Amino acid sequence: MDDIEKKLDPEHGLAEVRLSGRIQMYDTDRLEEALNELVESDHMRLIIDMTAVTYICSSALGVLIAAKRKVMKHEGEIRLVVSRGEIFELLKVTMLDKLFRVYMSLEDARQSIAH
């Protein structure tokens, strides 16, 4: 996985996280740490931009699920942005498209989380 880029809006408890590249098992600790850090600093509304992700392993999907559970305890929410067909198909096959709201563009995700 390439760098994890974060854009924070602490006033509204919002954070955008941009992931890119191949997210493999050895990346999951770093991903989990980054998401936990955001939740612990009261960023309960997360937009995870996965438009540049080319592969994501099942362990990383587990990290996303765990983060979703944490923010839900505080009435927070996570939105995923996915534009690659194979990543979206993976979310459908694993039924994670039922757990997460998935958007094709960052702008659509931003608008949805603002309301």
C-alpha atoms as a PDB file:
ATOM      1  CA  MET A   1       0.000   0.000   0.000  1.00  0.00           C
ATOM      2  CA  ASP A   2       1.221   3.456  -0.781  1.00  0.00           C
ATOM      3  CA  ASP A   3       0.949   6.277   1.747  1.00  0.00           C
ATOM      4  CA  ILE A   4      -2.238   6.883   3.703  1.00  0.00           C
ATOM      5  CA  GLU A   5      -3.280  10.471   3.074  1.00  0.00           C
ATOM      6  CA  LYS A   6      -5.590  12.179   5.571  1.00  0.00           C
ATOM      7  CA  LYS A   7      -7.593  15.367   5.287  1.00  0.00           C
ATOM      8  CA  LEU A   8      -9.081  16.378   8.638  1.00  0.00           C
ATOM      9  CA  ASP A   9     -11.999  18.594   9.602  1.00  0.00           C
ATOM     10  CA  PRO A  10     -11.949  18.346  13.424  1.00  0.00           C
ATOM     11  CA  GLU A  11     -14.661  20.972  13.839  1.00  0.00           C
ATOM     12  CA  HIS A  12     -17.164  18.620  12.193  1.00  0.00           C
ATOM     13  CA  GLY A  13     -15.558  15.335  13.274  1.00  0.00           C
ATOM     14  CA  LEU A  14     -14.933  14.489   9.632  1.00  0.00           C
ATOM     15  CA  ALA A  15     -11.889  12.867   8.072  1.00  0.00           C
ATOM     16  CA  GLU A  16     -11.112  11.837   4.523  1.00  0.00           C
ATOM     17  CA  VAL A  17      -8.647   9.005   4.122  1.00  0.00           C
ATOM     18  CA  ARG A  18      -7.118   8.265   0.719  1.00  0.00           C
ATOM     19  CA  LEU A  19      -5.738   4.778   0.151  1.00  0.00           C
ATOM     20  CA  SER A  20      -3.853   3.679  -2.930  1.00  0.00           C
ATOM     21  CA  GLY A  21      -2.050   0.753  -4.466  1.00  0.00           C
ATOM     22  CA  ARG A  22      -2.283  -2.850  -3.351  1.00  0.00           C
ATOM     23  CA  ILE A  23      -3.469  -3.283   0.228  1.00  0.00           C
ATOM     24  CA  GLN A  24      -2.022  -6.576   1.393  1.00  0.00           C
ATOM     25  CA  MET A  25      -1.894  -8.443   4.682  1.00  0.00           C
ATOM     26  CA  TYR A  26       1.333  -6.770   5.797  1.00  0.00           C
ATOM     27  CA  ASP A  27      -0.365  -3.357   5.350  1.00  0.00           C
ATOM     28  CA  THR A  28      -3.254  -4.060   7.703  1.00  0.00           C
ATOM     29  CA  ASP A  29      -1.504  -2.993  10.918  1.00  0.00           C
ATOM     30  CA  ARG A  30      -0.694   0.406   9.442  1.00  0.00           C
ATOM     31  CA  LEU A  31      -4.252   0.801   8.120  1.00  0.00           C
ATOM     32  CA  GLU A  32      -5.763  -0.219  11.456  1.00  0.00           C
ATOM     33  CA  GLU A  33      -3.489   2.171  13.344  1.00  0.00           C
ATOM     34  CA  ALA A  34      -4.416   5.083  11.056  1.00  0.00           C
ATOM     35  CA  LEU A  35      -8.165   4.464  11.377  1.00  0.00           C
ATOM     36  CA  ASN A  36      -7.996   3.913  15.148  1.00  0.00           C
ATOM     37  CA  GLU A  37      -6.040   7.147  15.529  1.00  0.00           C
ATOM     38  CA  LEU A  38      -8.812   9.040  13.738  1.00  0.00           C
ATOM     39  CA  VAL A  39     -11.578   7.481  15.818  1.00  0.00           C
ATOM     40  CA  GLU A  40      -9.690   8.119  19.065  1.00  0.00           C
ATOM     41  CA  SER A  41      -9.359  11.784  18.084  1.00  0.00           C
ATOM     42  CA  ASP A  42     -13.156  12.029  17.656  1.00  0.00           C
ATOM     43  CA  HIS A  43     -13.304  11.789  13.873  1.00  0.00           C
ATOM     44  CA  MET A  44     -16.493   9.722  13.763  1.00  0.00           C
ATOM     45  CA  ARG A  45     -17.453  10.531  10.187  1.00  0.00           C
ATOM     46  CA  LEU A  46     -14.986   8.973   7.779  1.00  0.00           C
ATOM     47  CA  ILE A  47     -14.799   8.961   4.016  1.00  0.00           C
ATOM     48  CA  ILE A  48     -12.377   6.327   2.796  1.00  0.00           C
ATOM     49  CA  ASP A  49     -11.330   7.066  -0.774  1.00  0.00           C
ATOM     50  CA  MET A  50     -10.342   3.797  -2.423  1.00  0.00           C
ATOM     51  CA  THR A  51     -10.423   5.026  -6.028  1.00  0.00           C
ATOM     52  CA  ALA A  52      -6.677   4.383  -6.384  1.00  0.00           C
ATOM     53  CA  VAL A  53      -6.753   0.948  -4.709  1.00  0.00           C
ATOM     54  CA  THR A  54      -5.917  -1.842  -7.143  1.00  0.00           C
ATOM     55  CA  TYR A  55      -6.219  -4.770  -4.703  1.00  0.00           C
ATOM     56  CA  ILE A  56      -7.425  -5.252  -1.138  1.00  0.00           C
ATOM     57  CA  CYS A  57      -6.953  -8.422   0.907  1.00  0.00           C
ATOM     58  CA  SER A  58      -9.550  -9.935   3.215  1.00  0.00           C
ATOM     59  CA  SER A  59      -7.602  -8.863   6.313  1.00  0.00           C
ATOM     60  CA  ALA A  60      -7.825  -5.227   5.223  1.00  0.00           C
ATOM     61  CA  LEU A  61     -11.563  -5.649   4.675  1.00  0.00           C
ATOM     62  CA  GLY A  62     -11.703  -6.890   8.268  1.00  0.00           C
ATOM     63  CA  VAL A  63      -9.964  -3.689   9.397  1.00  0.00           C
ATOM     64  CA  LEU A  64     -12.634  -1.630   7.609  1.00  0.00           C
ATOM     65  CA  ILE A  65     -15.387  -3.650   9.298  1.00  0.00           C
ATOM     66  CA  ALA A  66     -13.795  -3.158  12.737  1.00  0.00           C
ATOM     67  CA  ALA A  67     -13.527   0.599  12.118  1.00  0.00           C
ATOM     68  CA  LYS A  68     -17.184   0.688  11.078  1.00  0.00           C
ATOM     69  CA  ARG A  69     -18.192  -0.997  14.349  1.00  0.00           C
ATOM     70  CA  LYS A  70     -16.168   1.500  16.382  1.00  0.00           C
ATOM     71  CA  VAL A  71     -17.662   4.584  14.766  1.00  0.00           C
ATOM     72  CA  MET A  72     -21.187   3.150  14.928  1.00  0.00           C
ATOM     73  CA  LYS A  73     -20.873   2.907  18.724  1.00  0.00           C
ATOM     74  CA  HIS A  74     -20.595   6.700  18.686  1.00  0.00           C
ATOM     75  CA  GLU A  75     -23.300   7.191  16.054  1.00  0.00           C
ATOM     76  CA  GLY A  76     -20.623   7.820  13.450  1.00  0.00           C
ATOM     77  CA  GLU A  77     -20.440   6.652   9.874  1.00  0.00           C
ATOM     78  CA  ILE A  78     -18.031   5.488   7.210  1.00  0.00           C
ATOM     79  CA  ARG A  79     -18.468   6.024   3.494  1.00  0.00           C
ATOM     80  CA  LEU A  80     -16.368   4.221   0.896  1.00  0.00           C
ATOM     81  CA  VAL A  81     -15.462   5.690  -2.481  1.00  0.00           C
ATOM     82  CA  VAL A  82     -14.719   3.012  -5.066  1.00  0.00           C
ATOM     83  CA  SER A  83     -14.385   3.511  -8.814  1.00  0.00           C
ATOM     84  CA  ARG A  84     -12.629   0.311  -9.899  1.00  0.00           C
ATOM     85  CA  GLY A  85     -15.051  -2.378 -10.985  1.00  0.00           C
ATOM     86  CA  GLU A  86     -13.083  -5.244  -9.462  1.00  0.00           C
ATOM     87  CA  ILE A  87     -12.965  -3.587  -6.020  1.00  0.00           C
ATOM     88  CA  PHE A  88     -16.683  -2.826  -6.147  1.00  0.00           C
ATOM     89  CA  GLU A  89     -17.367  -6.405  -7.242  1.00  0.00           C
ATOM     90  CA  LEU A  90     -15.363  -7.674  -4.261  1.00  0.00           C
ATOM     91  CA  LEU A  91     -17.503  -5.546  -1.933  1.00  0.00           C
ATOM     92  CA  LYS A  92     -20.639  -7.007  -3.536  1.00  0.00           C
ATOM     93  CA  VAL A  93     -19.435 -10.621  -3.339  1.00  0.00           C
ATOM     94  CA  THR A  94     -18.529 -10.203   0.336  1.00  0.00           C
ATOM     95  CA  MET A  95     -21.814  -8.312   0.894  1.00  0.00           C
ATOM     96  CA  LEU A  96     -19.913  -5.366   2.332  1.00  0.00           C
ATOM     97  CA  ASP A  97     -21.857  -3.120  -0.022  1.00  0.00           C
ATOM     98  CA  LYS A  98     -24.747  -3.772   2.405  1.00  0.00           C
ATOM     99  CA  LEU A  99     -22.685  -2.735   5.444  1.00  0.00           C
ATOM    100  CA  PHE A 100     -21.056   0.359   3.920  1.00  0.00           C
ATOM    101  CA  ARG A 101     -22.484   3.088   1.779  1.00  0.00           C
ATOM    102  CA  VAL A 102     -20.397   2.972  -1.366  1.00  0.00           C
ATOM    103  CA  TYR A 103     -20.008   5.884  -3.777  1.00  0.00           C
ATOM    104  CA  MET A 104     -18.393   6.223  -7.183  1.00  0.00           C
ATOM    105  CA  SER A 105     -17.057   9.725  -6.531  1.00  0.00           C
ATOM    106  CA  LEU A 106     -15.564  11.604  -3.615  1.00  0.00           C
ATOM    107  CA  GLU A 107     -17.964  14.488  -4.202  1.00  0.00           C
ATOM    108  CA  ASP A 108     -21.011  12.195  -3.887  1.00  0.00           C
ATOM    109  CA  ALA A 109     -19.641  10.780  -0.623  1.00  0.00           C
ATOM    110  CA  ARG A 110     -18.995  14.279   0.727  1.00  0.00           C
ATOM    111  CA  GLN A 111     -22.526  15.382  -0.090  1.00  0.00           C
ATOM    112  CA  SER A 112     -24.046  12.298   1.525  1.00  0.00           C
ATOM    113  CA  ILE A 113     -22.136  12.651   4.769  1.00  0.00           C
ATOM    114  CA  ALA A 114     -22.959  16.346   5.061  1.00  0.00           C
ATOM    115  CA  HIS A 115     -26.681  15.628   5.399  1.00  0.00           C
END
